[in-house]
Every structure is written in structure tokens, then in C-alpha cells.
């Protein structure tokens, strides 16, 4: 085995070991959430194939899908949704991934989440829905995307 391949194999073995741990019991992020933050689709796909819990939460109550939405990563969002990630899990602030897609004024990500049956009427702890946020931010394309899904 070539040195570069050995390093890659070792790194993937560590990632799989971390990803197989039962979620994030002390509130730390899981390997899946870290990979979503880093935008590493190869690791995401490998962890999903190893049956990682796509809906496990970190200390803020966020799932890997929240992390992908915050990062604005459409490819990772699609992979997580295809693996069965729930688009309607609220974090500690009451926000769902759709809130974060709207905050980043990302119409493509917003449309993807809505196509996966994300609920645009879920209010956060400030009683704001994703549609409220789109209107307030002036992000017309996202507002239109949400309105056209209703």
C-alpha cells in the first residue's frame, strides 16, 4: 500500500469509528456533523453507508442537516435528505434547517428542503417562521420560493 493510500485508509477508519459512536452523548458534534461543517461529501457518504444516525444532535440541538444548511452545502444537504434526515428537527433556538437556508438567502437550498417536506410554518423561539425571516431580510427570491411551495 502506498503511503498516501495508507493515510487515507487510516483516516477513514478513524472517521468510521467516531461515526459509529452513539450520537453525541455529551453534546459534542458527531463525525457526520463535522463532515457536514467541512463540506466533505466523501466522508458523509461513507458515514451514511455505515448507518450513522443522521438525526443525532449536538449541544445546540443541531443535526448534520442543520450544519449543512448553515454551511449552504446543497450536495451534503441532498445526501442527508436522501439518507432520511428529518428536515423539521428544531435546535435549541427553535430553528429548523429551513430557517438557516433562509438566513443565508439561498433559494436553491430552500427549494430542496421544501421539496423534502420541510415545514415552512415552524416558528423559532422568537416566534419567527422561515417565511417571516425571508420577508424581513428582503430576500425576495427565497420568499417567492417559499410562497410557491404553499
N, C-alpha and C. Protein backbone atom coordinates (compact mmCIF):
# COMPACT_ATOMS: atom_id res chain seq x y z
N UNK A 1 0.85 -1.18 0.00
CA UNK A 1 0.00 0.00 0.00
C UNK A 1 0.90 1.24 0.00
N UNK A 2 0.59 2.19 -0.86
CA UNK A 2 1.35 3.43 -0.95
C UNK A 2 1.08 4.28 0.29
N UNK A 3 2.05 5.11 0.70
CA UNK A 3 1.87 5.93 1.91
C UNK A 3 0.61 6.78 1.90
N UNK A 4 0.30 7.42 0.79
CA UNK A 4 -0.89 8.28 0.73
C UNK A 4 -2.16 7.45 0.92
N UNK A 5 -2.19 6.27 0.32
CA UNK A 5 -3.36 5.39 0.47
C UNK A 5 -3.48 4.90 1.90
N UNK A 6 -2.34 4.62 2.54
CA UNK A 6 -2.36 4.17 3.93
C UNK A 6 -2.91 5.26 4.85
N UNK A 7 -2.51 6.49 4.62
CA UNK A 7 -3.01 7.61 5.43
C UNK A 7 -4.51 7.77 5.22
N UNK A 8 -4.95 7.71 3.97
CA UNK A 8 -6.38 7.82 3.67
C UNK A 8 -7.16 6.70 4.35
N UNK A 9 -6.64 5.46 4.26
CA UNK A 9 -7.31 4.33 4.89
C UNK A 9 -7.38 4.52 6.40
N UNK A 10 -6.30 4.96 7.01
CA UNK A 10 -6.27 5.19 8.46
C UNK A 10 -7.27 6.28 8.85
N UNK A 11 -7.28 7.39 8.10
CA UNK A 11 -8.22 8.48 8.40
C UNK A 11 -9.67 8.02 8.28
N UNK A 12 -9.98 7.24 7.24
CA UNK A 12 -11.34 6.75 7.08
C UNK A 12 -11.70 5.79 8.21
N UNK A 13 -10.76 4.96 8.65
CA UNK A 13 -11.03 4.04 9.75
C UNK A 13 -11.35 4.81 11.03
N UNK A 14 -10.61 5.87 11.30
CA UNK A 14 -10.87 6.70 12.48
C UNK A 14 -12.24 7.37 12.36
N UNK A 15 -12.54 7.91 11.20
CA UNK A 15 -13.83 8.58 10.99
C UNK A 15 -14.97 7.60 11.17
N UNK A 16 -14.82 6.39 10.63
CA UNK A 16 -15.88 5.39 10.78
C UNK A 16 -16.04 4.99 12.24
N UNK A 17 -14.95 4.86 12.94
CA UNK A 17 -15.02 4.53 14.36
C UNK A 17 -15.74 5.63 15.13
N UNK A 18 -15.40 6.88 14.86
CA UNK A 18 -16.06 8.00 15.53
C UNK A 18 -17.53 8.08 15.13
N UNK A 19 -17.81 7.85 13.88
CA UNK A 19 -19.19 7.92 13.41
C UNK A 19 -20.06 6.81 13.95
N UNK A 20 -19.45 5.70 14.33
CA UNK A 20 -20.24 4.59 14.84
C UNK A 20 -20.58 4.76 16.31
N UNK A 21 -19.98 5.76 16.96
CA UNK A 21 -20.33 6.02 18.35
C UNK A 21 -21.78 6.47 18.42
N UNK A 22 -22.41 6.22 19.51
CA UNK A 22 -23.84 6.53 19.65
C UNK A 22 -24.07 8.02 19.73
N UNK A 23 -24.19 8.66 18.58
CA UNK A 23 -24.52 10.09 18.54
C UNK A 23 -23.46 10.93 19.20
N UNK A 24 -23.91 11.94 19.89
CA UNK A 24 -23.01 12.85 20.60
C UNK A 24 -23.51 12.95 22.04
N UNK A 25 -23.24 11.91 22.85
CA UNK A 25 -23.85 11.82 24.16
C UNK A 25 -23.55 12.96 25.11
N UNK A 26 -22.43 13.60 24.96
CA UNK A 26 -22.11 14.71 25.85
C UNK A 26 -22.31 16.05 25.17
N UNK A 27 -22.96 16.03 24.02
CA UNK A 27 -23.24 17.28 23.32
C UNK A 27 -22.20 17.67 22.31
N UNK A 28 -21.14 16.90 22.19
CA UNK A 28 -20.14 17.20 21.17
C UNK A 28 -20.73 16.91 19.80
N UNK A 29 -20.06 17.40 18.78
CA UNK A 29 -20.52 17.10 17.43
C UNK A 29 -20.11 15.68 17.05
N UNK A 30 -20.88 15.07 16.18
CA UNK A 30 -20.56 13.74 15.67
C UNK A 30 -19.66 13.89 14.45
N UNK A 31 -19.11 12.77 14.01
CA UNK A 31 -18.29 12.79 12.79
C UNK A 31 -19.11 13.26 11.60
N UNK A 32 -20.38 12.88 11.56
CA UNK A 32 -21.26 13.30 10.47
C UNK A 32 -21.45 14.82 10.47
N UNK A 33 -21.65 15.40 11.64
CA UNK A 33 -21.80 16.85 11.74
C UNK A 33 -20.50 17.56 11.37
N UNK A 34 -19.38 17.02 11.81
CA UNK A 34 -18.08 17.60 11.45
C UNK A 34 -17.87 17.56 9.94
N UNK A 35 -18.21 16.43 9.33
CA UNK A 35 -18.05 16.31 7.87
C UNK A 35 -18.97 17.28 7.14
N UNK A 36 -20.17 17.50 7.68
CA UNK A 36 -21.09 18.48 7.08
C UNK A 36 -20.50 19.88 7.18
N UNK A 37 -19.90 20.20 8.33
CA UNK A 37 -19.25 21.50 8.50
C UNK A 37 -18.10 21.69 7.51
N UNK A 38 -17.35 20.62 7.30
CA UNK A 38 -16.17 20.67 6.42
C UNK A 38 -16.54 20.58 4.94
N UNK A 39 -17.77 20.15 4.66
CA UNK A 39 -18.18 20.00 3.27
C UNK A 39 -17.59 18.78 2.59
N UNK A 40 -17.30 17.74 3.38
CA UNK A 40 -16.64 16.55 2.84
C UNK A 40 -17.67 15.49 2.46
N UNK A 41 -18.12 15.52 1.23
CA UNK A 41 -19.17 14.60 0.77
C UNK A 41 -18.71 13.15 0.81
N UNK A 42 -17.45 12.89 0.55
CA UNK A 42 -16.95 11.51 0.57
C UNK A 42 -17.10 10.90 1.96
N UNK A 43 -16.76 11.67 2.98
CA UNK A 43 -16.90 11.19 4.35
C UNK A 43 -18.38 11.06 4.71
N UNK A 44 -19.19 12.02 4.30
CA UNK A 44 -20.63 11.95 4.55
C UNK A 44 -21.19 10.65 3.98
N UNK A 45 -20.88 10.37 2.73
CA UNK A 45 -21.40 9.16 2.08
C UNK A 45 -20.92 7.89 2.79
N UNK A 46 -19.68 7.88 3.22
CA UNK A 46 -19.14 6.71 3.91
C UNK A 46 -19.83 6.52 5.26
N UNK A 47 -20.01 7.60 6.00
CA UNK A 47 -20.68 7.50 7.30
C UNK A 47 -22.14 7.08 7.14
N UNK A 48 -22.80 7.60 6.13
CA UNK A 48 -24.19 7.20 5.87
C UNK A 48 -24.25 5.71 5.54
N UNK A 49 -23.29 5.24 4.74
CA UNK A 49 -23.28 3.82 4.37
C UNK A 49 -23.02 2.92 5.57
N UNK A 50 -22.42 3.48 6.61
CA UNK A 50 -22.16 2.74 7.85
C UNK A 50 -23.27 2.94 8.87
N UNK A 51 -24.41 3.45 8.42
CA UNK A 51 -25.61 3.63 9.25
C UNK A 51 -25.43 4.60 10.41
N UNK A 52 -24.69 5.67 10.19
CA UNK A 52 -24.60 6.72 11.20
C UNK A 52 -25.98 7.33 11.40
N UNK A 53 -26.27 7.75 12.61
CA UNK A 53 -27.56 8.37 12.92
C UNK A 53 -27.57 9.78 12.33
N UNK A 54 -28.31 9.97 11.24
CA UNK A 54 -28.32 11.26 10.55
C UNK A 54 -29.04 12.34 11.35
N UNK A 55 -29.81 11.94 12.35
CA UNK A 55 -30.56 12.92 13.14
C UNK A 55 -30.02 13.11 14.56
N UNK A 56 -28.81 12.63 14.85
CA UNK A 56 -28.26 12.87 16.19
C UNK A 56 -27.95 14.36 16.33
N UNK A 57 -28.02 14.83 17.58
CA UNK A 57 -27.91 16.27 17.85
C UNK A 57 -26.64 16.61 18.61
N UNK A 58 -26.16 17.83 18.38
CA UNK A 58 -25.03 18.35 19.14
C UNK A 58 -25.56 19.14 20.35
N UNK A 59 -24.67 19.82 21.06
CA UNK A 59 -25.08 20.54 22.28
C UNK A 59 -26.05 21.67 22.00
N UNK A 60 -26.11 22.15 20.77
CA UNK A 60 -27.06 23.20 20.40
C UNK A 60 -28.37 22.61 19.86
N UNK A 61 -28.45 21.27 19.85
CA UNK A 61 -29.64 20.60 19.36
C UNK A 61 -29.67 20.48 17.84
N UNK A 62 -28.55 20.76 17.21
CA UNK A 62 -28.49 20.74 15.74
C UNK A 62 -28.07 19.37 15.23
N UNK A 63 -28.66 19.02 14.09
CA UNK A 63 -28.31 17.78 13.40
C UNK A 63 -27.31 18.09 12.29
N UNK A 64 -26.85 17.04 11.63
CA UNK A 64 -25.95 17.25 10.49
C UNK A 64 -26.64 18.08 9.40
N UNK A 65 -27.97 17.93 9.28
CA UNK A 65 -28.71 18.71 8.29
C UNK A 65 -28.70 20.20 8.64
N UNK A 66 -28.79 20.53 9.92
CA UNK A 66 -28.64 21.93 10.34
C UNK A 66 -27.25 22.44 9.91
N UNK A 67 -26.22 21.63 10.19
CA UNK A 67 -24.85 22.03 9.86
C UNK A 67 -24.69 22.24 8.35
N UNK A 68 -25.28 21.36 7.56
CA UNK A 68 -25.20 21.50 6.10
C UNK A 68 -25.93 22.75 5.63
N UNK A 69 -27.08 23.02 6.23
CA UNK A 69 -27.86 24.22 5.85
C UNK A 69 -27.12 25.49 6.25
N UNK A 70 -26.53 25.49 7.42
CA UNK A 70 -25.75 26.66 7.87
C UNK A 70 -24.58 26.91 6.92
N UNK A 71 -23.96 25.83 6.46
CA UNK A 71 -22.84 25.94 5.51
C UNK A 71 -23.31 26.25 4.10
N UNK A 72 -24.60 26.05 3.84
CA UNK A 72 -25.13 26.29 2.50
C UNK A 72 -24.75 25.23 1.49
N UNK A 73 -24.41 24.03 1.98
CA UNK A 73 -23.92 22.98 1.10
C UNK A 73 -25.07 22.13 0.55
N UNK A 74 -25.40 22.34 -0.70
CA UNK A 74 -26.53 21.65 -1.34
C UNK A 74 -26.24 20.16 -1.53
N UNK A 75 -25.03 19.81 -1.91
CA UNK A 75 -24.69 18.41 -2.15
C UNK A 75 -24.82 17.59 -0.87
N UNK A 76 -24.32 18.12 0.23
CA UNK A 76 -24.40 17.40 1.50
C UNK A 76 -25.84 17.39 2.01
N UNK A 77 -26.55 18.49 1.84
CA UNK A 77 -27.96 18.52 2.22
C UNK A 77 -28.73 17.43 1.48
N UNK A 78 -28.49 17.30 0.18
CA UNK A 78 -29.17 16.27 -0.62
C UNK A 78 -28.83 14.87 -0.12
N UNK A 79 -27.57 14.62 0.18
CA UNK A 79 -27.16 13.30 0.66
C UNK A 79 -27.84 12.97 1.99
N UNK A 80 -27.90 13.94 2.88
CA UNK A 80 -28.53 13.71 4.19
C UNK A 80 -30.04 13.49 4.05
N UNK A 81 -30.68 14.28 3.21
CA UNK A 81 -32.12 14.10 2.98
C UNK A 81 -32.40 12.73 2.35
N UNK A 82 -31.57 12.34 1.39
CA UNK A 82 -31.74 11.02 0.76
C UNK A 82 -31.53 9.88 1.75
N UNK A 83 -30.74 10.14 2.80
CA UNK A 83 -30.48 9.13 3.83
C UNK A 83 -31.56 9.14 4.91
N UNK A 84 -32.55 10.02 4.76
CA UNK A 84 -33.66 10.03 5.70
C UNK A 84 -33.59 11.07 6.80
N UNK A 85 -32.70 12.04 6.68
CA UNK A 85 -32.62 13.09 7.70
C UNK A 85 -33.92 13.87 7.75
N UNK A 86 -34.38 14.16 8.95
CA UNK A 86 -35.62 14.92 9.11
C UNK A 86 -35.36 16.41 8.92
N UNK A 87 -36.13 17.06 8.04
CA UNK A 87 -35.92 18.50 7.84
C UNK A 87 -36.61 19.37 8.89
N UNK A 88 -37.35 18.75 9.81
CA UNK A 88 -38.14 19.54 10.76
C UNK A 88 -37.71 19.42 12.22
N UNK A 89 -36.49 18.96 12.47
CA UNK A 89 -35.99 18.91 13.84
C UNK A 89 -35.56 20.32 14.25
N UNK A 90 -36.08 20.77 15.38
CA UNK A 90 -35.74 22.11 15.88
C UNK A 90 -34.52 22.04 16.79
N UNK A 91 -33.64 23.02 16.65
CA UNK A 91 -32.49 23.12 17.56
C UNK A 91 -32.92 23.88 18.82
N UNK A 92 -31.99 24.17 19.70
CA UNK A 92 -32.34 24.83 20.97
C UNK A 92 -32.94 26.21 20.79
N UNK A 93 -32.67 26.85 19.66
CA UNK A 93 -33.27 28.16 19.39
C UNK A 93 -34.62 28.02 18.68
N UNK A 94 -35.03 26.77 18.46
CA UNK A 94 -36.30 26.51 17.80
C UNK A 94 -36.21 26.52 16.29
N UNK A 95 -35.01 26.66 15.77
CA UNK A 95 -34.85 26.74 14.31
C UNK A 95 -34.66 25.37 13.68
N UNK A 96 -35.23 25.25 12.50
CA UNK A 96 -35.06 24.07 11.67
C UNK A 96 -34.08 24.43 10.55
N UNK A 97 -33.55 23.44 9.82
CA UNK A 97 -32.62 23.77 8.73
C UNK A 97 -33.16 24.81 7.75
N UNK A 98 -34.46 24.84 7.52
CA UNK A 98 -35.04 25.82 6.60
C UNK A 98 -34.82 27.25 7.08
N UNK A 99 -34.85 27.49 8.38
CA UNK A 99 -34.54 28.83 8.90
C UNK A 99 -33.14 29.26 8.44
N UNK A 100 -32.18 28.33 8.53
CA UNK A 100 -30.80 28.67 8.18
C UNK A 100 -30.62 28.85 6.67
N UNK A 101 -31.35 28.09 5.87
CA UNK A 101 -31.30 28.29 4.42
C UNK A 101 -31.82 29.68 4.06
N UNK A 102 -32.88 30.10 4.75
CA UNK A 102 -33.45 31.43 4.52
C UNK A 102 -32.49 32.51 4.98
N UNK A 103 -31.89 32.33 6.15
CA UNK A 103 -30.95 33.33 6.67
C UNK A 103 -29.77 33.55 5.73
N UNK A 104 -29.38 32.51 5.01
CA UNK A 104 -28.27 32.66 4.06
C UNK A 104 -28.76 33.10 2.68
N UNK A 105 -30.07 33.36 2.57
CA UNK A 105 -30.68 33.83 1.32
C UNK A 105 -30.33 32.88 0.16
N UNK A 106 -30.54 31.58 0.42
CA UNK A 106 -30.17 30.56 -0.54
C UNK A 106 -31.44 29.90 -1.11
N UNK A 107 -31.92 30.37 -2.26
CA UNK A 107 -33.17 29.84 -2.81
C UNK A 107 -33.08 28.37 -3.23
N UNK A 108 -31.92 27.93 -3.71
CA UNK A 108 -31.79 26.53 -4.12
C UNK A 108 -31.87 25.59 -2.92
N UNK A 109 -31.18 25.94 -1.85
CA UNK A 109 -31.23 25.15 -0.62
C UNK A 109 -32.63 25.18 -0.02
N UNK A 110 -33.25 26.34 -0.05
CA UNK A 110 -34.63 26.49 0.44
C UNK A 110 -35.56 25.57 -0.34
N UNK A 111 -35.45 25.59 -1.66
CA UNK A 111 -36.30 24.75 -2.51
C UNK A 111 -36.07 23.27 -2.24
N UNK A 112 -34.82 22.88 -2.04
CA UNK A 112 -34.50 21.47 -1.77
C UNK A 112 -35.15 21.01 -0.46
N UNK A 113 -35.04 21.83 0.57
CA UNK A 113 -35.64 21.47 1.86
C UNK A 113 -37.17 21.42 1.76
N UNK A 114 -37.75 22.37 1.05
CA UNK A 114 -39.21 22.36 0.87
C UNK A 114 -39.66 21.14 0.07
N UNK A 115 -38.88 20.75 -0.92
CA UNK A 115 -39.21 19.55 -1.71
C UNK A 115 -39.15 18.29 -0.85
N UNK A 116 -38.37 18.35 0.24
CA UNK A 116 -38.27 17.22 1.17
C UNK A 116 -39.30 17.35 2.30
N UNK A 117 -40.31 18.17 2.06
CA UNK A 117 -41.42 18.37 3.00
C UNK A 117 -41.05 19.12 4.27
N UNK A 118 -40.05 19.99 4.19
CA UNK A 118 -39.76 20.87 5.33
C UNK A 118 -40.97 21.76 5.56
N UNK A 119 -41.32 21.94 6.81
CA UNK A 119 -42.50 22.73 7.18
C UNK A 119 -42.12 24.21 7.29
N UNK A 120 -42.63 25.07 6.40
CA UNK A 120 -42.26 26.49 6.44
C UNK A 120 -42.99 27.27 7.53
N UNK A 121 -43.85 26.60 8.29
CA UNK A 121 -44.62 27.28 9.33
C UNK A 121 -44.09 27.04 10.74
N UNK A 122 -42.96 26.35 10.88
CA UNK A 122 -42.39 26.13 12.20
C UNK A 122 -41.74 27.42 12.68
N UNK A 123 -42.18 27.88 13.84
CA UNK A 123 -41.65 29.13 14.41
C UNK A 123 -40.52 28.81 15.39
N UNK A 124 -39.51 29.68 15.40
CA UNK A 124 -38.42 29.54 16.36
C UNK A 124 -38.82 30.17 17.69
N UNK A 125 -37.88 30.26 18.62
CA UNK A 125 -38.20 30.81 19.95
C UNK A 125 -38.54 32.30 19.92
N UNK A 126 -38.23 32.96 18.82
CA UNK A 126 -38.62 34.37 18.64
C UNK A 126 -39.94 34.47 17.89
N UNK A 127 -40.60 33.34 17.72
CA UNK A 127 -41.88 33.24 17.02
C UNK A 127 -41.77 33.64 15.55
N UNK A 128 -40.62 33.37 14.94
CA UNK A 128 -40.41 33.67 13.52
C UNK A 128 -40.36 32.39 12.71
N UNK A 129 -41.13 32.37 11.65
CA UNK A 129 -41.08 31.25 10.71
C UNK A 129 -40.05 31.56 9.63
N UNK A 130 -39.66 30.56 8.85
CA UNK A 130 -38.77 30.85 7.73
C UNK A 130 -39.34 31.90 6.78
N UNK A 131 -40.65 31.87 6.55
CA UNK A 131 -41.26 32.89 5.68
C UNK A 131 -41.14 34.28 6.30
N UNK A 132 -41.38 34.39 7.61
CA UNK A 132 -41.20 35.68 8.29
C UNK A 132 -39.79 36.21 8.07
N UNK A 133 -38.80 35.32 8.23
CA UNK A 133 -37.40 35.71 8.07
C UNK A 133 -37.10 36.16 6.65
N UNK A 134 -37.68 35.47 5.68
CA UNK A 134 -37.45 35.83 4.27
C UNK A 134 -38.01 37.22 3.98
N UNK A 135 -39.20 37.50 4.50
CA UNK A 135 -39.83 38.81 4.29
C UNK A 135 -39.00 39.90 4.97
N UNK A 136 -38.61 39.66 6.23
CA UNK A 136 -37.85 40.66 6.99
C UNK A 136 -36.48 40.94 6.39
N UNK A 137 -35.85 39.90 5.84
CA UNK A 137 -34.50 40.07 5.29
C UNK A 137 -34.50 40.71 3.91
N UNK A 138 -35.67 40.73 3.27
CA UNK A 138 -35.74 41.29 1.93
C UNK A 138 -35.23 40.36 0.85
N UNK A 139 -35.06 39.10 1.20
CA UNK A 139 -34.58 38.11 0.24
C UNK A 139 -35.77 37.62 -0.59
N UNK A 140 -36.08 38.37 -1.64
CA UNK A 140 -37.30 38.14 -2.42
C UNK A 140 -37.34 36.78 -3.10
N UNK A 141 -36.20 36.31 -3.60
CA UNK A 141 -36.20 35.02 -4.30
C UNK A 141 -36.53 33.88 -3.34
N UNK A 142 -36.01 33.96 -2.12
CA UNK A 142 -36.33 32.94 -1.12
C UNK A 142 -37.80 33.05 -0.70
N UNK A 143 -38.26 34.28 -0.53
CA UNK A 143 -39.68 34.50 -0.19
C UNK A 143 -40.58 33.90 -1.27
N UNK A 144 -40.24 34.13 -2.53
CA UNK A 144 -41.03 33.58 -3.64
C UNK A 144 -40.96 32.06 -3.66
N UNK A 145 -39.79 31.51 -3.35
CA UNK A 145 -39.63 30.06 -3.32
C UNK A 145 -40.55 29.44 -2.27
N UNK A 146 -40.59 30.06 -1.10
CA UNK A 146 -41.47 29.54 -0.04
C UNK A 146 -42.93 29.71 -0.43
N UNK A 147 -43.30 30.89 -0.90
CA UNK A 147 -44.70 31.13 -1.28
C UNK A 147 -45.18 30.19 -2.38
N UNK A 148 -44.31 29.88 -3.31
CA UNK A 148 -44.71 28.99 -4.41
C UNK A 148 -44.87 27.54 -3.94
N UNK A 149 -44.32 27.22 -2.77
CA UNK A 149 -44.45 25.85 -2.26
C UNK A 149 -45.73 25.66 -1.45
N UNK A 150 -46.40 26.77 -1.14
CA UNK A 150 -47.60 26.70 -0.29
C UNK A 150 -48.83 26.32 -1.07
